[in-house]
Protein backbone atom coordinates (compact mmCIF):
# COMPACT_ATOMS: atom_id res chain seq x y z
CA MET A 1 0.20 -0.45 0.09
CA PRO A 2 1.52 3.36 -1.16
CA ASN A 3 1.91 5.59 1.80
CA ASP A 4 -0.58 8.60 0.24
CA LYS A 5 -3.26 5.68 0.58
CA LYS A 6 -1.96 4.10 4.73
CA ALA A 7 -2.37 8.76 5.99
CA ASN A 8 -5.20 8.45 4.50
CA LEU A 9 -6.24 5.22 5.87
CA LEU A 10 -5.62 5.89 9.04
CA LYS A 11 -7.22 9.52 8.94
CA ARG A 12 -10.43 7.95 8.01
CA ALA A 13 -10.49 4.73 10.71
CA ALA A 14 -9.46 7.44 13.15
CA LEU A 15 -12.35 9.79 12.38
CA ALA A 16 -15.35 7.17 12.04
CA ILE A 17 -14.65 5.38 15.70
CA ASP A 18 -13.73 9.12 16.51
CA ASN A 19 -16.84 11.22 15.69
CA THR A 20 -18.82 8.20 15.98
CA LEU A 21 -18.50 8.43 19.66
CA ALA A 22 -18.72 12.17 19.42
CA ASP A 23 -21.83 11.03 18.64
CA ALA A 24 -24.40 9.61 20.89
CA GLN A 25 -26.96 9.35 18.07
CA ILE A 26 -24.78 7.34 15.65
CA ARG A 27 -23.02 5.71 18.95
CA GLU A 28 -26.63 3.80 19.63
CA LEU A 29 -27.58 3.56 16.68
CA VAL A 30 -24.45 1.67 15.64
CA ALA A 31 -23.93 0.20 19.15
CA ALA A 32 -27.00 -2.29 18.18
CA TYR A 33 -25.16 -3.81 15.63
CA SER A 34 -22.85 -4.54 17.98
CA TYR A 35 -20.28 -2.06 16.93
CA THR A 36 -20.18 -1.00 21.36
CA PRO A 37 -17.88 1.70 22.91
CA GLU A 38 -16.05 -0.94 23.70
CA ALA A 39 -16.06 -2.34 20.72
CA LEU A 40 -15.12 1.25 18.71
CA ALA A 41 -12.37 1.53 21.69
CA GLU A 42 -10.88 -1.69 20.75
CA ALA A 43 -11.09 -1.07 16.70
CA ARG A 44 -9.59 2.54 17.98
CA LYS A 45 -6.20 0.25 19.13
CA LEU A 46 -5.60 -0.90 14.92
CA VAL A 47 -5.35 3.02 13.96
CA ASP A 48 -2.97 3.00 17.36
CA ALA A 49 -1.20 -0.52 16.33
CA ALA A 50 -1.31 0.53 12.65
CA GLN A 51 0.46 4.09 13.08
CA ALA A 52 2.97 2.32 15.31
CA ALA A 53 4.05 0.08 12.48
CA SER A 54 4.64 2.84 10.44
CA ARG A 55 6.90 4.37 13.11
CA ALA A 56 9.10 1.54 13.67
CA GLN A 57 9.48 0.22 9.91
CA LEU A 58 11.16 3.82 9.43
CA VAL A 59 13.88 3.25 11.56
CA ALA A 60 13.74 -0.01 10.70
CA ALA A 61 14.43 0.83 7.32
CA GLY A 62 16.85 3.48 8.51
CA GLU A 63 18.88 1.41 10.71
CA GLN A 64 19.58 -1.01 7.27
CA GLN A 65 20.24 1.64 4.77
CA GLN A 66 22.68 2.64 7.96
CA ALA A 67 24.33 -0.90 8.38
CA THR A 68 24.59 -0.90 3.84
CA ALA A 69 26.34 2.04 4.04
CA ALA A 70 28.61 1.43 7.07
CA PHE A 71 28.88 -2.54 5.62
CA VAL A 72 29.99 -0.68 1.84
CA GLN A 73 33.16 1.66 3.19
CA ALA A 74 33.92 -1.70 5.38
CA ASN A 75 33.61 -3.15 2.12
CA ALA A 76 36.13 -0.92 -0.60
CA ALA A 77 38.96 -0.60 3.43
CA ALA A 78 38.37 -4.25 3.09
CA ARG A 79 39.14 -5.36 -0.43
CA ALA A 80 41.92 -2.42 -0.35
CA ALA A 81 43.64 -4.52 2.51
CA TYR A 82 43.67 -7.35 0.83
CA GLN A 83 44.50 -6.42 -3.16
CA ALA A 84 47.12 -4.66 -2.32
CA LEU A 85 49.43 -7.38 -0.01
CA ALA A 86 47.45 -9.58 -3.36
CA LYS A 87 49.56 -7.28 -5.50
CA LEU A 88 52.57 -8.08 -3.49
CA ALA A 89 52.91 -11.40 -3.68
CA ARG A 90 52.04 -12.65 -6.49
CA ALA A 91 54.75 -9.08 -7.76
CA SER A 92 56.99 -11.67 -5.54
CA CYS A 93 56.25 -15.17 -4.64
CA ASP A 94 56.83 -18.02 -5.98
CA LYS A 95 54.08 -20.36 -6.88
CA PRO A 96 54.45 -22.92 -3.18
CA SER A 97 54.58 -18.87 -1.08
CA LEU A 98 51.13 -18.04 -3.33
CA THR A 99 49.59 -21.70 -2.65
CA LYS A 100 50.80 -21.39 0.67
CA LEU A 101 49.18 -17.42 1.28
CA GLY A 102 45.64 -18.87 -1.13
CA LEU A 103 46.52 -16.83 -4.42
CA SER A 104 46.96 -19.51 -6.66
CA GLY A 105 42.51 -17.69 -7.79
CA SER A 106 41.48 -14.78 -8.82
CA GLU A 107 40.53 -12.64 -5.99
CA PRO A 108 36.83 -13.70 -4.79
CA GLN A 109 33.57 -11.88 -5.21
CA ALA A 110 30.49 -13.29 -3.14
CA ALA A 111 31.31 -11.43 0.13
CA GLY A 112 31.91 -14.80 2.21
CA ALA A 113 34.51 -16.27 -0.16
CA PHE A 114 36.77 -13.28 0.29
CA MET A 115 36.62 -12.10 3.55
CA LYS A 116 37.82 -15.81 3.70
CA ALA A 117 40.87 -15.83 1.82
CA ALA A 118 41.42 -12.36 2.17
CA PHE A 119 41.92 -14.08 6.20
CA ASP A 120 44.12 -16.56 5.03
CA LEU A 121 46.52 -14.04 3.47
CA PHE A 122 46.68 -12.02 6.87
CA ASP A 123 47.40 -15.51 8.64
CA ASN A 124 50.03 -17.08 6.74
CA ALA A 125 51.09 -13.91 5.85
CA PRO A 126 54.01 -14.87 8.62
CA GLN A 127 55.51 -17.29 6.98
CA VAL A 128 56.37 -16.18 3.64
CA PRO A 129 59.14 -13.44 6.00
CA ALA A 130 59.96 -11.93 2.31
CA LEU A 131 56.95 -10.15 2.67
CA ALA A 132 58.07 -8.55 5.96
CA SER A 133 61.50 -8.08 5.49
CA ARG A 134 61.18 -6.91 1.80
CA PHE A 135 57.47 -4.53 2.25
CA GLY A 136 57.00 -4.15 5.85
CA TYR A 137 54.09 -6.48 6.56
CA ASN A 138 55.42 -7.73 10.12
CA ALA A 139 53.25 -8.84 12.60
CA GLU A 140 51.76 -5.45 13.49
CA LYS A 141 50.92 -3.85 10.03
CA LEU A 142 49.13 -7.70 9.15
CA ALA A 143 46.98 -7.01 12.33
CA ALA A 144 46.20 -3.25 11.58
CA GLU A 145 45.26 -4.82 7.87
CA ARG A 146 43.74 -7.46 9.04
CA ALA A 147 41.37 -5.93 11.80
CA LYS A 148 40.06 -4.46 7.84
CA ILE A 149 38.48 -7.94 7.09
CA SER A 150 37.08 -8.48 10.74
CA ALA A 151 35.66 -4.75 10.62
CA LEU A 152 34.62 -6.44 7.20
CA GLN A 153 32.81 -9.84 8.79
CA ALA A 154 31.32 -7.70 11.62
CA ALA A 155 29.55 -4.56 9.57
CA ASP A 156 28.51 -8.04 7.31
CA GLN A 157 27.04 -9.92 10.26
CA THR A 158 25.30 -6.16 11.31
CA GLN A 159 23.92 -5.89 7.86
CA GLY A 160 22.40 -9.16 7.79
CA SER A 161 20.29 -8.67 10.69
CA LEU A 162 18.84 -5.77 10.07
CA ILE A 163 17.52 -6.33 6.93
CA GLY A 164 15.71 -8.88 8.81
CA ALA A 165 14.81 -6.52 11.55
CA ALA A 166 13.75 -4.60 8.48
CA GLN A 167 11.99 -7.14 6.58
CA GLN A 168 9.95 -8.49 9.65
CA ALA A 169 8.81 -4.63 10.42
CA THR A 170 7.66 -3.89 7.10
CA ALA A 171 5.72 -7.16 7.66
CA ARG A 172 4.20 -6.28 10.55
CA GLN A 173 2.94 -2.95 8.95
CA GLN A 174 1.06 -4.61 5.95
CA ALA A 175 -0.02 -7.11 8.54
CA ALA A 176 -1.05 -3.38 10.38
CA PHE A 177 -2.75 -2.02 7.79
CA LYS A 178 -3.87 -4.58 5.87
CA ALA A 179 -6.02 -5.55 9.45
CA LEU A 180 -7.23 -1.43 9.87
CA ASP A 181 -8.17 -1.65 6.55
CA ALA A 182 -10.92 -4.63 6.19
CA TRP A 183 -11.84 -3.67 10.16
CA LEU A 184 -12.85 0.45 8.59
CA ALA A 185 -14.50 -1.36 5.36
CA GLU A 186 -16.29 -3.65 7.09
CA TYR A 187 -17.41 -0.65 9.57
CA ILE A 188 -18.58 1.14 6.08
CA LYS A 189 -21.14 -0.81 4.66
CA ILE A 190 -22.92 -1.81 8.46
CA VAL A 191 -23.15 1.85 9.79
CA LYS A 192 -24.88 2.66 6.24
CA VAL A 193 -27.62 0.20 7.10
CA ALA A 194 -27.72 1.96 10.17
CA LEU A 195 -27.87 5.21 9.74
CA ARG A 196 -29.90 4.16 6.96
CA VAL A 197 -32.51 6.49 8.22
CA ASP A 198 -30.23 9.70 8.13
CA PRO A 199 -28.60 8.99 5.87
CA GLN A 200 -26.64 12.99 5.67
CA GLN A 201 -25.60 11.47 9.23
CA LEU A 202 -22.78 9.18 7.23
CA GLU A 203 -20.61 12.40 6.54
CA LYS A 204 -20.26 13.37 10.49
CA ILE A 205 -17.85 9.73 10.01
CA GLY A 206 -16.44 11.50 6.87
CA VAL A 207 -19.31 8.91 5.15
CA ILE A 208 -20.21 10.71 1.86
CA ALA A 209 -24.13 10.06 1.92
CA ARG A 210 -25.18 8.81 -2.11
CA SER A 211 -26.71 11.31 -3.00
CA SER A 212 -27.42 9.91 -7.47
CA PRO A 213 -28.30 5.86 -8.04
CA THR A 214 -25.00 3.67 -8.71
CA ALA A 215 -24.40 2.58 -11.52
CA ALA A 216 -25.70 -0.44 -11.56
CA GLN A 217 -29.52 1.45 -10.42
CA ARG A 218 -29.73 3.58 -13.26
CA ALA A 219 -29.16 -0.17 -15.59
CA ALA A 220 -32.08 -1.08 -14.29
CA SER A 221 -33.95 1.38 -14.56
CA LYS A 222 -33.75 2.04 -18.60
CA LYS A 223 -34.38 -2.43 -17.99
CA GLN A 224 -37.46 -1.25 -16.76
CA THR A 225 -38.41 1.59 -18.88
CA PRO A 226 -40.40 0.85 -21.91
CA ALA A 227 -38.69 1.33 -25.82
CA ALA A 228 -39.91 4.60 -26.81
CA ALA A 229 -42.76 4.29 -29.39
CA SER A 230 -40.56 4.57 -33.53
């Protein structure tokens, strides 16, 4: 349901419930059809629930977007760290050393596979002493660069968690608005029956009283009208 329709539904439902409760005559008439003040108070909770679900969905969506931005940034830093060491190793190491470093193939693109390859690279780099002696990849530098892979791993986990939370929030929002929409649709049908003796009362609760015949009524009227003589 688009946002403008959600806003309209909230407004219509609140108006229908609140104005019914505020008008003694309407309140008495609809009570005869099981829409007692207590029942309407329960229905008002549907409005509140939909509003709360909408706010929660916005928060969850924002948190997901923040997590995604953090993941993108962490991924860029981690891949830069990996590529810097991998390029030096490929340029200077023999095949057995490259095998130790996990550099037999190309850089993995999938996040999970990349993180495994990056951890293997930095964890096994001390077994190739030339990387420290020639290029400065001592224990301290390796730890600092490896930390970028750990940061990516944490960002990936956070993003996954918040994607799930956002999906759940969206599902709860959809369910809340569906329940409210169904309640209001039924209430309008019943209240038209309850107020049939004074349909202008409908306008007090936001329902437009029909003053002209429906398409079906017009069609029925035409069928009943005798054809003009030729």
